[in-house]
Amino acid sequence: MSDIWFAIFFKHFVCDFPLQWRYQYANKGIYGHPGGLLHAAIHALGMGSICLWFALPLWLMLADAFLHYHIDLAKVHINARYGLTPTNSEQFWWLLGFDQFLHYGCYIMLLYLGGR
């Protein structure tokens, strides 16, 4: 079980940070924009590879993409609504941490629903 968790945590880090470039994060707040959809698709591909490796149901990759997309969209909208930026507010960082907390909570739920 710990191998699955390591794979998911590593997938999340790689997809959320090194593989996310300006086109993605600058457009995640526009519902349906290709930048945000691309970011979710990258997460789906990462989760898909984990599903294949650990014989998990492939619907988990679609659920991961859907949940990831909407959590990120909400975070961007909250940041914009309250004018939160990395340099003007501690709340920006709290929200980033909460965003990561929600993503990992979704992984717990998805693995539970996927039979692990």
PDB file of N, CA and C in Angstrom:
ATOM      1  N   MET A   1       0.824  -1.201   0.000  1.00  0.00           N
ATOM      2  CA  MET A   1       0.000   0.000   0.000  1.00  0.00           C
ATOM      3  C   MET A   1       0.861   1.255   0.000  1.00  0.00           C
ATOM      4  N   SER A   2       1.979   1.222   0.707  1.00  0.00           N
ATOM      5  CA  SER A   2       2.814   2.422   0.759  1.00  0.00           C
ATOM      6  C   SER A   2       3.394   2.763  -0.608  1.00  0.00           C
ATOM      7  N   ASP A   3       3.586   1.753  -1.478  1.00  0.00           N
ATOM      8  CA  ASP A   3       4.075   2.024  -2.829  1.00  0.00           C
ATOM      9  C   ASP A   3       3.067   2.847  -3.622  1.00  0.00           C
ATOM     10  N   ILE A   4       1.789   2.549  -3.443  1.00  0.00           N
ATOM     11  CA  ILE A   4       0.748   3.319  -4.135  1.00  0.00           C
ATOM     12  C   ILE A   4       0.758   4.763  -3.643  1.00  0.00           C
ATOM     13  N   TRP A   5       0.842   4.953  -2.339  1.00  0.00           N
ATOM     14  CA  TRP A   5       0.841   6.319  -1.799  1.00  0.00           C
ATOM     15  C   TRP A   5       2.045   7.102  -2.298  1.00  0.00           C
ATOM     16  N   PHE A   6       3.218   6.471  -2.288  1.00  0.00           N
ATOM     17  CA  PHE A   6       4.402   7.164  -2.786  1.00  0.00           C
ATOM     18  C   PHE A   6       4.201   7.555  -4.247  1.00  0.00           C
ATOM     19  N   ALA A   7       3.674   6.637  -5.057  1.00  0.00           N
ATOM     20  CA  ALA A   7       3.446   6.919  -6.477  1.00  0.00           C
ATOM     21  C   ALA A   7       2.479   8.083  -6.652  1.00  0.00           C
ATOM     22  N   ILE A   8       1.411   8.116  -5.876  1.00  0.00           N
ATOM     23  CA  ILE A   8       0.427   9.199  -5.991  1.00  0.00           C
ATOM     24  C   ILE A   8       1.026  10.522  -5.532  1.00  0.00           C
ATOM     25  N   PHE A   9       1.738  10.518  -4.421  1.00  0.00           N
ATOM     26  CA  PHE A   9       2.346  11.766  -3.941  1.00  0.00           C
ATOM     27  C   PHE A   9       3.372  12.285  -4.941  1.00  0.00           C
ATOM     28  N   PHE A  10       4.166  11.373  -5.497  1.00  0.00           N
ATOM     29  CA  PHE A  10       5.163  11.780  -6.480  1.00  0.00           C
ATOM     30  C   PHE A  10       4.480  12.312  -7.739  1.00  0.00           C
ATOM     31  N   LYS A  11       3.441  11.608  -8.206  1.00  0.00           N
ATOM     32  CA  LYS A  11       2.668  12.058  -9.369  1.00  0.00           C
ATOM     33  C   LYS A  11       2.131  13.456  -9.137  1.00  0.00           C
ATOM     34  N   HIS A  12       1.583  13.673  -7.962  1.00  0.00           N
ATOM     35  CA  HIS A  12       0.991  14.975  -7.668  1.00  0.00           C
ATOM     36  C   HIS A  12       2.050  16.081  -7.707  1.00  0.00           C
ATOM     37  N   PHE A  13       3.177  15.842  -7.073  1.00  0.00           N
ATOM     38  CA  PHE A  13       4.244  16.845  -7.091  1.00  0.00           C
ATOM     39  C   PHE A  13       4.689  17.153  -8.524  1.00  0.00           C
ATOM     40  N   VAL A  14       4.978  16.112  -9.301  1.00  0.00           N
ATOM     41  CA  VAL A  14       5.494  16.322 -10.658  1.00  0.00           C
ATOM     42  C   VAL A  14       4.467  17.033 -11.534  1.00  0.00           C
ATOM     43  N   CYS A  15       3.208  16.616 -11.457  1.00  0.00           N
ATOM     44  CA  CYS A  15       2.172  17.224 -12.309  1.00  0.00           C
ATOM     45  C   CYS A  15       1.803  18.628 -11.857  1.00  0.00           C
ATOM     46  N   ASP A  16       1.847  18.882 -10.553  1.00  0.00           N
ATOM     47  CA  ASP A  16       1.417  20.183 -10.038  1.00  0.00           C
ATOM     48  C   ASP A  16       2.515  21.235 -10.078  1.00  0.00           C
ATOM     49  N   PHE A  17       3.774  20.826 -10.117  1.00  0.00           N
ATOM     50  CA  PHE A  17       4.843  21.811 -10.063  1.00  0.00           C
ATOM     51  C   PHE A  17       5.740  21.766 -11.302  1.00  0.00           C
ATOM     52  N   PRO A  18       6.644  20.794 -11.482  1.00  0.00           N
ATOM     53  CA  PRO A  18       7.513  20.845 -12.668  1.00  0.00           C
ATOM     54  C   PRO A  18       6.776  20.818 -14.009  1.00  0.00           C
ATOM     55  N   LEU A  19       5.663  20.078 -14.113  1.00  0.00           N
ATOM     56  CA  LEU A  19       4.956  19.986 -15.396  1.00  0.00           C
ATOM     57  C   LEU A  19       3.884  21.061 -15.595  1.00  0.00           C
ATOM     58  N   GLN A  20       3.738  21.948 -14.652  1.00  0.00           N
ATOM     59  CA  GLN A  20       2.757  23.027 -14.804  1.00  0.00           C
ATOM     60  C   GLN A  20       3.504  24.320 -15.140  1.00  0.00           C
ATOM     61  N   TRP A  21       3.257  24.835 -16.328  1.00  0.00           N
ATOM     62  CA  TRP A  21       3.909  26.063 -16.728  1.00  0.00           C
ATOM     63  C   TRP A  21       2.883  27.185 -16.841  1.00  0.00           C
ATOM     64  N   ARG A  22       3.369  28.374 -17.156  1.00  0.00           N
ATOM     65  CA  ARG A  22       2.558  29.588 -17.126  1.00  0.00           C
ATOM     66  C   ARG A  22       1.226  29.443 -17.868  1.00  0.00           C
ATOM     67  N   TYR A  23       1.226  28.849 -19.055  1.00  0.00           N
ATOM     68  CA  TYR A  23      -0.007  28.710 -19.831  1.00  0.00           C
ATOM     69  C   TYR A  23      -1.096  28.018 -19.012  1.00  0.00           C
ATOM     70  N   GLN A  24      -0.699  27.049 -18.218  1.00  0.00           N
ATOM     71  CA  GLN A  24      -1.674  26.337 -17.398  1.00  0.00           C
ATOM     72  C   GLN A  24      -2.120  27.187 -16.224  1.00  0.00           C
ATOM     73  N   TYR A  25      -1.180  27.639 -15.391  1.00  0.00           N
ATOM     74  CA  TYR A  25      -1.605  28.328 -14.171  1.00  0.00           C
ATOM     75  C   TYR A  25      -2.179  29.709 -14.438  1.00  0.00           C
ATOM     76  N   ALA A  26      -1.846  30.335 -15.549  1.00  0.00           N
ATOM     77  CA  ALA A  26      -2.414  31.650 -15.851  1.00  0.00           C
ATOM     78  C   ALA A  26      -3.851  31.554 -16.356  1.00  0.00           C
ATOM     79  N   ASN A  27      -4.279  30.370 -16.746  1.00  0.00           N
ATOM     80  CA  ASN A  27      -5.611  30.225 -17.337  1.00  0.00           C
ATOM     81  C   ASN A  27      -6.528  29.268 -16.582  1.00  0.00           C
ATOM     82  N   LYS A  28      -6.094  28.786 -15.417  1.00  0.00           N
ATOM     83  CA  LYS A  28      -6.917  27.839 -14.664  1.00  0.00           C
ATOM     84  C   LYS A  28      -8.187  28.470 -14.104  1.00  0.00           C
ATOM     85  N   GLY A  29      -8.246  29.779 -14.042  1.00  0.00           N
ATOM     86  CA  GLY A  29      -9.420  30.445 -13.500  1.00  0.00           C
ATOM     87  C   GLY A  29     -10.517  30.699 -14.521  1.00  0.00           C
ATOM     88  N   ILE A  30     -10.272  30.344 -15.772  1.00  0.00           N
ATOM     89  CA  ILE A  30     -11.264  30.524 -16.840  1.00  0.00           C
ATOM     90  C   ILE A  30     -11.865  29.152 -17.132  1.00  0.00           C
ATOM     91  N   TYR A  31     -13.127  28.970 -16.744  1.00  0.00           N
ATOM     92  CA  TYR A  31     -13.744  27.649 -16.860  1.00  0.00           C
ATOM     93  C   TYR A  31     -13.717  27.174 -18.311  1.00  0.00           C
ATOM     94  N   GLY A  32     -13.175  25.984 -18.519  1.00  0.00           N
ATOM     95  CA  GLY A  32     -13.125  25.389 -19.846  1.00  0.00           C
ATOM     96  C   GLY A  32     -11.925  25.807 -20.682  1.00  0.00           C
ATOM     97  N   HIS A  33     -11.068  26.685 -20.163  1.00  0.00           N
ATOM     98  CA  HIS A  33      -9.892  27.120 -20.929  1.00  0.00           C
ATOM     99  C   HIS A  33      -8.946  25.940 -21.138  1.00  0.00           C
ATOM    100  N   PRO A  34      -8.357  25.819 -22.329  1.00  0.00           N
ATOM    101  CA  PRO A  34      -7.432  24.709 -22.593  1.00  0.00           C
ATOM    102  C   PRO A  34      -6.263  24.613 -21.606  1.00  0.00           C
ATOM    103  N   GLY A  35      -5.816  25.735 -21.041  1.00  0.00           N
ATOM    104  CA  GLY A  35      -4.712  25.683 -20.081  1.00  0.00           C
ATOM    105  C   GLY A  35      -5.079  24.892 -18.831  1.00  0.00           C
ATOM    106  N   GLY A  36      -6.241  25.168 -18.272  1.00  0.00           N
ATOM    107  CA  GLY A  36      -6.695  24.428 -17.100  1.00  0.00           C
ATOM    108  C   GLY A  36      -7.019  22.981 -17.432  1.00  0.00           C
ATOM    109  N   LEU A  37      -7.608  22.772 -18.612  1.00  0.00           N
ATOM    110  CA  LEU A  37      -7.919  21.401 -19.033  1.00  0.00           C
ATOM    111  C   LEU A  37      -6.644  20.596 -19.266  1.00  0.00           C
ATOM    112  N   LEU A  38      -5.615  21.252 -19.819  1.00  0.00           N
ATOM    113  CA  LEU A  38      -4.332  20.581 -20.013  1.00  0.00           C
ATOM    114  C   LEU A  38      -3.738  20.153 -18.673  1.00  0.00           C
ATOM    115  N   HIS A  39      -3.801  21.045 -17.692  1.00  0.00           N
ATOM    116  CA  HIS A  39      -3.279  20.715 -16.367  1.00  0.00           C
ATOM    117  C   HIS A  39      -4.014  19.498 -15.783  1.00  0.00           C
ATOM    118  N   ALA A  40      -5.329  19.473 -15.914  1.00  0.00           N
ATOM    119  CA  ALA A  40      -6.114  18.332 -15.424  1.00  0.00           C
ATOM    120  C   ALA A  40      -5.787  17.067 -16.216  1.00  0.00           C
ATOM    121  N   ALA A  41      -5.566  17.212 -17.516  1.00  0.00           N
ATOM    122  CA  ALA A  41      -5.234  16.052 -18.351  1.00  0.00           C
ATOM    123  C   ALA A  41      -3.872  15.463 -17.963  1.00  0.00           C
ATOM    124  N   ILE A  42      -2.934  16.321 -17.624  1.00  0.00           N
ATOM    125  CA  ILE A  42      -1.620  15.838 -17.177  1.00  0.00           C
ATOM    126  C   ILE A  42      -1.777  15.020 -15.895  1.00  0.00           C
ATOM    127  N   HIS A  43      -2.628  15.505 -14.979  1.00  0.00           N
ATOM    128  CA  HIS A  43      -2.907  14.731 -13.767  1.00  0.00           C
ATOM    129  C   HIS A  43      -3.595  13.411 -14.114  1.00  0.00           C
ATOM    130  N   ALA A  44      -4.513  13.445 -15.076  1.00  0.00           N
ATOM    131  CA  ALA A  44      -5.204  12.216 -15.482  1.00  0.00           C
ATOM    132  C   ALA A  44      -4.214  11.199 -16.040  1.00  0.00           C
ATOM    133  N   LEU A  45      -3.284  11.649 -16.865  1.00  0.00           N
ATOM    134  CA  LEU A  45      -2.295  10.723 -17.427  1.00  0.00           C
ATOM    135  C   LEU A  45      -1.406  10.132 -16.333  1.00  0.00           C
ATOM    136  N   GLY A  46      -1.023  10.981 -15.385  1.00  0.00           N
ATOM    137  CA  GLY A  46      -0.227  10.478 -14.269  1.00  0.00           C
ATOM    138  C   GLY A  46      -0.989   9.444 -13.459  1.00  0.00           C
ATOM    139  N   MET A  47      -2.252   9.747 -13.170  1.00  0.00           N
ATOM    140  CA  MET A  47      -3.067   8.798 -12.408  1.00  0.00           C
ATOM    141  C   MET A  47      -3.336   7.544 -13.236  1.00  0.00           C
ATOM    142  N   GLY A  48      -3.510   7.711 -14.533  1.00  0.00           N
ATOM    143  CA  GLY A  48      -3.720   6.550 -15.396  1.00  0.00           C
ATOM    144  C   GLY A  48      -2.547   5.592 -15.360  1.00  0.00           C
ATOM    145  N   SER A  49      -1.341   6.142 -15.355  1.00  0.00           N
ATOM    146  CA  SER A  49      -0.164   5.269 -15.286  1.00  0.00           C
ATOM    147  C   SER A  49      -0.111   4.539 -13.941  1.00  0.00           C
ATOM    148  N   ILE A  50      -0.514   5.216 -12.877  1.00  0.00           N
ATOM    149  CA  ILE A  50      -0.566   4.569 -11.557  1.00  0.00           C
ATOM    150  C   ILE A  50      -1.633   3.473 -11.547  1.00  0.00           C
ATOM    151  N   CYS A  51      -2.782   3.774 -12.155  1.00  0.00           N
ATOM    152  CA  CYS A  51      -3.850   2.769 -12.224  1.00  0.00           C
ATOM    153  C   CYS A  51      -3.382   1.518 -12.964  1.00  0.00           C
ATOM    154  N   LEU A  52      -2.680   1.707 -14.073  1.00  0.00           N
ATOM    155  CA  LEU A  52      -2.196   0.551 -14.826  1.00  0.00           C
ATOM    156  C   LEU A  52      -1.145  -0.227 -14.040  1.00  0.00           C
ATOM    157  N   TRP A  53      -0.240   0.480 -13.405  1.00  0.00           N
ATOM    158  CA  TRP A  53       0.843  -0.174 -12.661  1.00  0.00           C
ATOM    159  C   TRP A  53       0.311  -0.982 -11.474  1.00  0.00           C
ATOM    160  N   PHE A  54      -0.672  -0.403 -10.755  1.00  0.00           N
ATOM    161  CA  PHE A  54      -1.172  -1.043  -9.539  1.00  0.00           C
ATOM    162  C   PHE A  54      -2.518  -1.746  -9.734  1.00  0.00           C
ATOM    163  N   ALA A  55      -2.926  -1.924 -10.983  1.00  0.00           N
ATOM    164  CA  ALA A  55      -4.186  -2.614 -11.317  1.00  0.00           C
ATOM    165  C   ALA A  55      -5.380  -1.976 -10.601  1.00  0.00           C
ATOM    166  N   LEU A  56      -5.448  -0.651 -10.668  1.00  0.00           N
ATOM    167  CA  LEU A  56      -6.585   0.090 -10.125  1.00  0.00           C
ATOM    168  C   LEU A  56      -7.557   0.395 -11.256  1.00  0.00           C
ATOM    169  N   PRO A  57      -8.823   0.646 -10.948  1.00  0.00           N
ATOM    170  CA  PRO A  57      -9.783   0.958 -12.006  1.00  0.00           C
ATOM    171  C   PRO A  57      -9.425   2.277 -12.706  1.00  0.00           C
ATOM    172  N   LEU A  58      -9.536   2.273 -14.027  1.00  0.00           N
ATOM    173  CA  LEU A  58      -9.136   3.448 -14.811  1.00  0.00           C
ATOM    174  C   LEU A  58     -10.052   4.649 -14.621  1.00  0.00           C
ATOM    175  N   TRP A  59     -11.253   4.440 -14.083  1.00  0.00           N
ATOM    176  CA  TRP A  59     -12.127   5.598 -13.849  1.00  0.00           C
ATOM    177  C   TRP A  59     -11.506   6.553 -12.834  1.00  0.00           C
ATOM    178  N   LEU A  60     -10.552   6.061 -12.039  1.00  0.00           N
ATOM    179  CA  LEU A  60      -9.894   6.928 -11.063  1.00  0.00           C
ATOM    180  C   LEU A  60      -9.157   8.081 -11.743  1.00  0.00           C
ATOM    181  N   MET A  61      -8.630   7.847 -12.936  1.00  0.00           N
ATOM    182  CA  MET A  61      -7.916   8.916 -13.619  1.00  0.00           C
ATOM    183  C   MET A  61      -8.870  10.037 -14.037  1.00  0.00           C
ATOM    184  N   LEU A  62     -10.069   9.693 -14.446  1.00  0.00           N
ATOM    185  CA  LEU A  62     -11.055  10.710 -14.821  1.00  0.00           C
ATOM    186  C   LEU A  62     -11.557  11.456 -13.590  1.00  0.00           C
ATOM    187  N   ALA A  63     -11.773  10.719 -12.521  1.00  0.00           N
ATOM    188  CA  ALA A  63     -12.214  11.354 -11.276  1.00  0.00           C
ATOM    189  C   ALA A  63     -11.131  12.295 -10.751  1.00  0.00           C
ATOM    190  N   ASP A  64      -9.881  11.871 -10.814  1.00  0.00           N
ATOM    191  CA  ASP A  64      -8.771  12.722 -10.373  1.00  0.00           C
ATOM    192  C   ASP A  64      -8.734  14.009 -11.185  1.00  0.00           C
ATOM    193  N   ALA A  65      -8.842  13.891 -12.503  1.00  0.00           N
ATOM    194  CA  ALA A  65      -8.809  15.080 -13.362  1.00  0.00           C
ATOM    195  C   ALA A  65      -9.966  16.027 -13.035  1.00  0.00           C
ATOM    196  N   PHE A  66     -11.166  15.483 -12.891  1.00  0.00           N
ATOM    197  CA  PHE A  66     -12.346  16.297 -12.594  1.00  0.00           C
ATOM    198  C   PHE A  66     -12.187  17.035 -11.265  1.00  0.00           C
ATOM    199  N   LEU A  67     -11.807  16.290 -10.239  1.00  0.00           N
ATOM    200  CA  LEU A  67     -11.657  16.892  -8.911  1.00  0.00           C
ATOM    201  C   LEU A  67     -10.514  17.899  -8.883  1.00  0.00           C
ATOM    202  N   HIS A  68      -9.395  17.539  -9.491  1.00  0.00           N
ATOM    203  CA  HIS A  68      -8.244  18.434  -9.495  1.00  0.00           C
ATOM    204  C   HIS A  68      -8.589  19.750 -10.189  1.00  0.00           C
ATOM    205  N   TYR A  69      -9.247  19.644 -11.337  1.00  0.00           N
ATOM    206  CA  TYR A  69      -9.630  20.821 -12.114  1.00  0.00           C
ATOM    207  C   TYR A  69     -10.490  21.770 -11.278  1.00  0.00           C
ATOM    208  N   HIS A  70     -11.483  21.237 -10.603  1.00  0.00           N
ATOM    209  CA  HIS A  70     -12.422  22.094  -9.878  1.00  0.00           C
ATOM    210  C   HIS A  70     -11.846  22.642  -8.569  1.00  0.00           C
ATOM    211  N   ILE A  71     -10.975  21.882  -7.916  1.00  0.00           N
ATOM    212  CA  ILE A  71     -10.301  22.424  -6.729  1.00  0.00           C
ATOM    213  C   ILE A  71      -9.409  23.597  -7.140  1.00  0.00           C
ATOM    214  N   ASP A  72      -8.645  23.421  -8.208  1.00  0.00           N
ATOM    215  CA  ASP A  72      -7.768  24.506  -8.679  1.00  0.00           C
ATOM    216  C   ASP A  72      -8.578  25.722  -9.124  1.00  0.00           C
ATOM    217  N   LEU A  73      -9.674  25.478  -9.826  1.00  0.00           N
ATOM    218  CA  LEU A  73     -10.531  26.578 -10.270  1.00  0.00           C
ATOM    219  C   LEU A  73     -11.038  27.380  -9.077  1.00  0.00           C
ATOM    220  N   ALA A  74     -11.497  26.697  -8.046  1.00  0.00           N
ATOM    221  CA  ALA A  74     -11.993  27.378  -6.841  1.00  0.00           C
ATOM    222  C   ALA A  74     -10.879  28.182  -6.181  1.00  0.00           C
ATOM    223  N   LYS A  75      -9.681  27.599  -6.097  1.00  0.00           N
ATOM    224  CA  LYS A  75      -8.555  28.306  -5.474  1.00  0.00           C
ATOM    225  C   LYS A  75      -8.243  29.598  -6.233  1.00  0.00           C
ATOM    226  N   VAL A  76      -8.201  29.521  -7.544  1.00  0.00           N
ATOM    227  CA  VAL A  76      -7.904  30.715  -8.357  1.00  0.00           C
ATOM    228  C   VAL A  76      -8.987  31.774  -8.154  1.00  0.00           C
ATOM    229  N   HIS A  77     -10.228  31.361  -8.110  1.00  0.00           N
ATOM    230  CA  HIS A  77     -11.325  32.322  -7.917  1.00  0.00           C
ATOM    231  C   HIS A  77     -11.275  32.965  -6.537  1.00  0.00           C
ATOM    232  N   ILE A  78     -10.948  32.201  -5.524  1.00  0.00           N
ATOM    233  CA  ILE A  78     -10.837  32.774  -4.172  1.00  0.00           C
ATOM    234  C   ILE A  78      -9.676  33.759  -4.119  1.00  0.00           C
ATOM    235  N   ASN A  79      -8.535  33.377  -4.699  1.00  0.00           N
ATOM    236  CA  ASN A  79      -7.397  34.308  -4.746  1.00  0.00           C
ATOM    237  C   ASN A  79      -7.785  35.609  -5.435  1.00  0.00           C
ATOM    238  N   ALA A  80      -8.474  35.511  -6.566  1.00  0.00           N
ATOM    239  CA  ALA A  80      -8.876  36.710  -7.311  1.00  0.00           C
ATOM    240  C   ALA A  80      -9.895  37.526  -6.528  1.00  0.00           C
ATOM    241  N   ARG A  81     -10.854  36.865  -5.917  1.00  0.00           N
ATOM    242  CA  ARG A  81     -11.922  37.564  -5.178  1.00  0.00           C
ATOM    243  C   ARG A  81     -11.355  38.415  -4.051  1.00  0.00           C
ATOM    244  N   TYR A  82     -10.340  37.890  -3.372  1.00  0.00           N
ATOM    245  CA  TYR A  82      -9.783  38.596  -2.216  1.00  0.00           C
ATOM    246  C   TYR A  82      -8.435  39.251  -2.500  1.00  0.00           C
ATOM    247  N   GLY A  83      -7.997  39.214  -3.766  1.00  0.00           N
ATOM    248  CA  GLY A  83      -6.752  39.859  -4.142  1.00  0.00           C
ATOM    249  C   GLY A  83      -5.521  39.249  -3.490  1.00  0.00           C
ATOM    250  N   LEU A  84      -5.549  37.942  -3.280  1.00  0.00           N
ATOM    251  CA  LEU A  84      -4.441  37.269  -2.607  1.00  0.00           C
ATOM    252  C   LEU A  84      -3.324  36.957  -3.599  1.00  0.00           C
ATOM    253  N   THR A  85      -2.112  37.333  -3.249  1.00  0.00           N
ATOM    254  CA  THR A  85      -0.935  37.028  -4.056  1.00  0.00           C
ATOM    255  C   THR A  85       0.168  36.512  -3.138  1.00  0.00           C
ATOM    256  N   PRO A  86       1.202  35.892  -3.717  1.00  0.00           N
ATOM    257  CA  PRO A  86       2.283  35.364  -2.870  1.00  0.00           C
ATOM    258  C   PRO A  86       2.996  36.435  -2.054  1.00  0.00           C
ATOM    259  N   THR A  87       2.963  37.670  -2.507  1.00  0.00           N
ATOM    260  CA  THR A  87       3.726  38.722  -1.826  1.00  0.00           C
ATOM    261  C   THR A  87       2.885  39.646  -0.955  1.00  0.00           C
ATOM    262  N   ASN A  88       1.561  39.521  -0.991  1.00  0.00           N
ATOM    263  CA  ASN A  88       0.760  40.480  -0.219  1.00  0.00           C
ATOM    264  C   ASN A  88      -0.046  39.865   0.915  1.00  0.00           C
ATOM    265  N   SER A  89      -0.016  38.539   1.043  1.00  0.00           N
ATOM    266  CA  SER A  89      -0.929  37.966   2.018  1.00  0.00           C
ATOM    267  C   SER A  89      -0.500  36.577   2.463  1.00  0.00           C
ATOM    268  N   GLU A  90      -0.511  36.377   3.775  1.00  0.00           N
ATOM    269  CA  GLU A  90      -0.289  35.032   4.298  1.00  0.00           C
ATOM    270  C   GLU A  90      -1.424  34.106   3.884  1.00  0.00           C
ATOM    271  N   GLN A  91      -2.609  34.662   3.694  1.00  0.00           N
ATOM    272  CA  GLN A  91      -3.759  33.841   3.314  1.00  0.00           C
ATOM    273  C   GLN A  91      -3.564  33.167   1.953  1.00  0.00           C
ATOM    274  N   PHE A  92      -2.782  33.780   1.059  1.00  0.00           N
ATOM    275  CA  PHE A  92      -2.468  33.128  -0.209  1.00  0.00           C
ATOM    276  C   PHE A  92      -1.830  31.766   0.057  1.00  0.00           C
ATOM    277  N   TRP A  93      -0.870  31.757   0.984  1.00  0.00           N
ATOM    278  CA  TRP A  93      -0.149  30.522   1.289  1.00  0.00           C
ATOM    279  C   TRP A  93      -1.032  29.543   2.045  1.00  0.00           C
ATOM    280  N   TRP A  94      -1.900  30.050   2.918  1.00  0.00           N
ATOM    281  CA  TRP A  94      -2.848  29.176   3.607  1.00  0.00           C
ATOM    282  C   TRP A  94      -3.755  28.489   2.586  1.00  0.00           C
ATOM    283  N   LEU A  95      -4.213  29.280   1.607  1.00  0.00           N
ATOM    284  CA  LEU A  95      -5.097  28.729   0.586  1.00  0.00           C
ATOM    285  C   LEU A  95      -4.357  27.704  -0.275  1.00  0.00           C
ATOM    286  N   LEU A  96      -3.101  27.976  -0.597  1.00  0.00           N
ATOM    287  CA  LEU A  96      -2.313  26.999  -1.346  1.00  0.00           C
ATOM    288  C   LEU A  96      -2.184  25.703  -0.544  1.00  0.00           C
ATOM    289  N   GLY A  97      -1.910  25.820   0.740  1.00  0.00           N
ATOM    290  CA  GLY A  97      -1.827  24.630   1.591  1.00  0.00           C
ATOM    291  C   GLY A  97      -3.152  23.895   1.665  1.00  0.00           C
ATOM    292  N   PHE A  98      -4.254  24.638   1.760  1.00  0.00           N
ATOM    293  CA  PHE A  98      -5.574  24.007   1.810  1.00  0.00           C
ATOM    294  C   PHE A  98      -5.886  23.310   0.487  1.00  0.00           C
ATOM    295  N   ASP A  99      -5.493  23.922  -0.618  1.00  0.00           N
ATOM    296  CA  ASP A  99      -5.642  23.327  -1.940  1.00  0.00           C
ATOM    297  C   ASP A  99      -4.924  21.972  -1.979  1.00  0.00           C
ATOM    298  N   GLN A 100      -3.700  21.921  -1.487  1.00  0.00           N
ATOM    299  CA  GLN A 100      -2.949  20.670  -1.477  1.00  0.00           C
ATOM    300  C   GLN A 100      -3.616  19.647  -0.538  1.00  0.00           C
ATOM    301  N   PHE A 101      -4.090  20.111   0.597  1.00  0.00           N
ATOM    302  CA  PHE A 101      -4.815  19.256   1.539  1.00  0.00           C
ATOM    303  C   PHE A 101      -6.034  18.617   0.865  1.00  0.00           C
ATOM    304  N   LEU A 102      -6.800  19.410   0.106  1.00  0.00           N
ATOM    305  CA  LEU A 102      -7.974  18.880  -0.589  1.00  0.00           C
ATOM    306  C   LEU A 102      -7.585  17.844  -1.634  1.00  0.00           C
ATOM    307  N   HIS A 103      -6.507  18.125  -2.378  1.00  0.00           N
ATOM    308  CA  HIS A 103      -6.063  17.155  -3.380  1.00  0.00           C
ATOM    309  C   HIS A 103      -5.721  15.819  -2.724  1.00  0.00           C
ATOM    310  N   TYR A 104      -4.969  15.868  -1.633  1.00  0.00           N
ATOM    311  CA  TYR A 104      -4.590  14.622  -0.971  1.00  0.00           C
ATOM    312  C   TYR A 104      -5.795  13.941  -0.335  1.00  0.00           C
ATOM    313  N   GLY A 105      -6.735  14.708   0.158  1.00  0.00           N
ATOM    314  CA  GLY A 105      -7.977  14.127   0.659  1.00  0.00           C
ATOM    315  C   GLY A 105      -8.734  13.411  -0.442  1.00  0.00           C
ATOM    316  N   CYS A 106      -8.720  13.974  -1.634  1.00  0.00           N
ATOM    317  CA  CYS A 106      -9.362  13.319  -2.774  1.00  0.00           C
ATOM    318  C   CYS A 106      -8.673  12.002  -3.102  1.00  0.00           C
ATOM    319  N   TYR A 107      -7.355  11.973  -2.990  1.00  0.00           N
ATOM    320  CA  TYR A 107      -6.646  10.713  -3.256  1.00  0.00           C
ATOM    321  C   TYR A 107      -7.050   9.638  -2.252  1.00  0.00           C
ATOM    322  N   ILE A 108      -7.206  10.013  -1.000  1.00  0.00           N
ATOM    323  CA  ILE A 108      -7.652   9.055   0.016  1.00  0.00           C
ATOM    324  C   ILE A 108      -9.021   8.511  -0.372  1.00  0.00           C
ATOM    325  N   MET A 109      -9.936   9.403  -0.736  1.00  0.00           N
ATOM    326  CA  MET A 109     -11.278   8.990  -1.131  1.00  0.00           C
ATOM    327  C   MET A 109     -11.244   8.110  -2.365  1.00  0.00           C
ATOM    328  N   LEU A 110     -10.453   8.507  -3.378  1.00  0.00           N
ATOM    329  CA  LEU A 110     -10.408   7.742  -4.617  1.00  0.00           C
ATOM    330  C   LEU A 110      -9.841   6.342  -4.407  1.00  0.00           C
ATOM    331  N   LEU A 111      -8.785   6.240  -3.619  1.00  0.00           N
ATOM    332  CA  LEU A 111      -8.239   4.905  -3.359  1.00  0.00           C
ATOM    333  C   LEU A 111      -9.229   4.047  -2.574  1.00  0.00           C
ATOM    334  N   TYR A 112      -9.941   4.651  -1.659  1.00  0.00           N
ATOM    335  CA  TYR A 112     -10.961   3.918  -0.910  1.00  0.00           C
ATOM    336  C   TYR A 112     -12.045   3.406  -1.862  1.00  0.00           C
ATOM    337  N   LEU A 113     -12.541   4.294  -2.732  1.00  0.00           N
ATOM    338  CA  LEU A 113     -13.583   3.909  -3.670  1.00  0.00           C
ATOM    339  C   LEU A 113     -13.075   2.938  -4.731  1.00  0.00           C
ATOM    340  N   GLY A 114     -11.770   3.022  -5.014  1.00  0.00           N
ATOM    341  CA  GLY A 114     -11.163   2.122  -5.993  1.00  0.00           C
ATOM    342  C   GLY A 114     -10.779   0.763  -5.431  1.00  0.00           C
ATOM    343  N   GLY A 115     -11.088   0.549  -4.172  1.00  0.00           N
ATOM    344  CA  GLY A 115     -10.866  -0.759  -3.576  1.00  0.00           C
ATOM    345  C   GLY A 115      -9.538  -0.951  -2.878  1.00  0.00           C
ATOM    346  N   ARG A 116      -8.835   0.138  -2.592  1.00  0.00           N
ATOM    347  CA  ARG A 116      -7.548  -0.001  -1.891  1.00  0.00           C
ATOM    348  C   ARG A 116      -7.659   0.614  -0.536  1.00  0.00           C
TER     349      ARG A 116
END
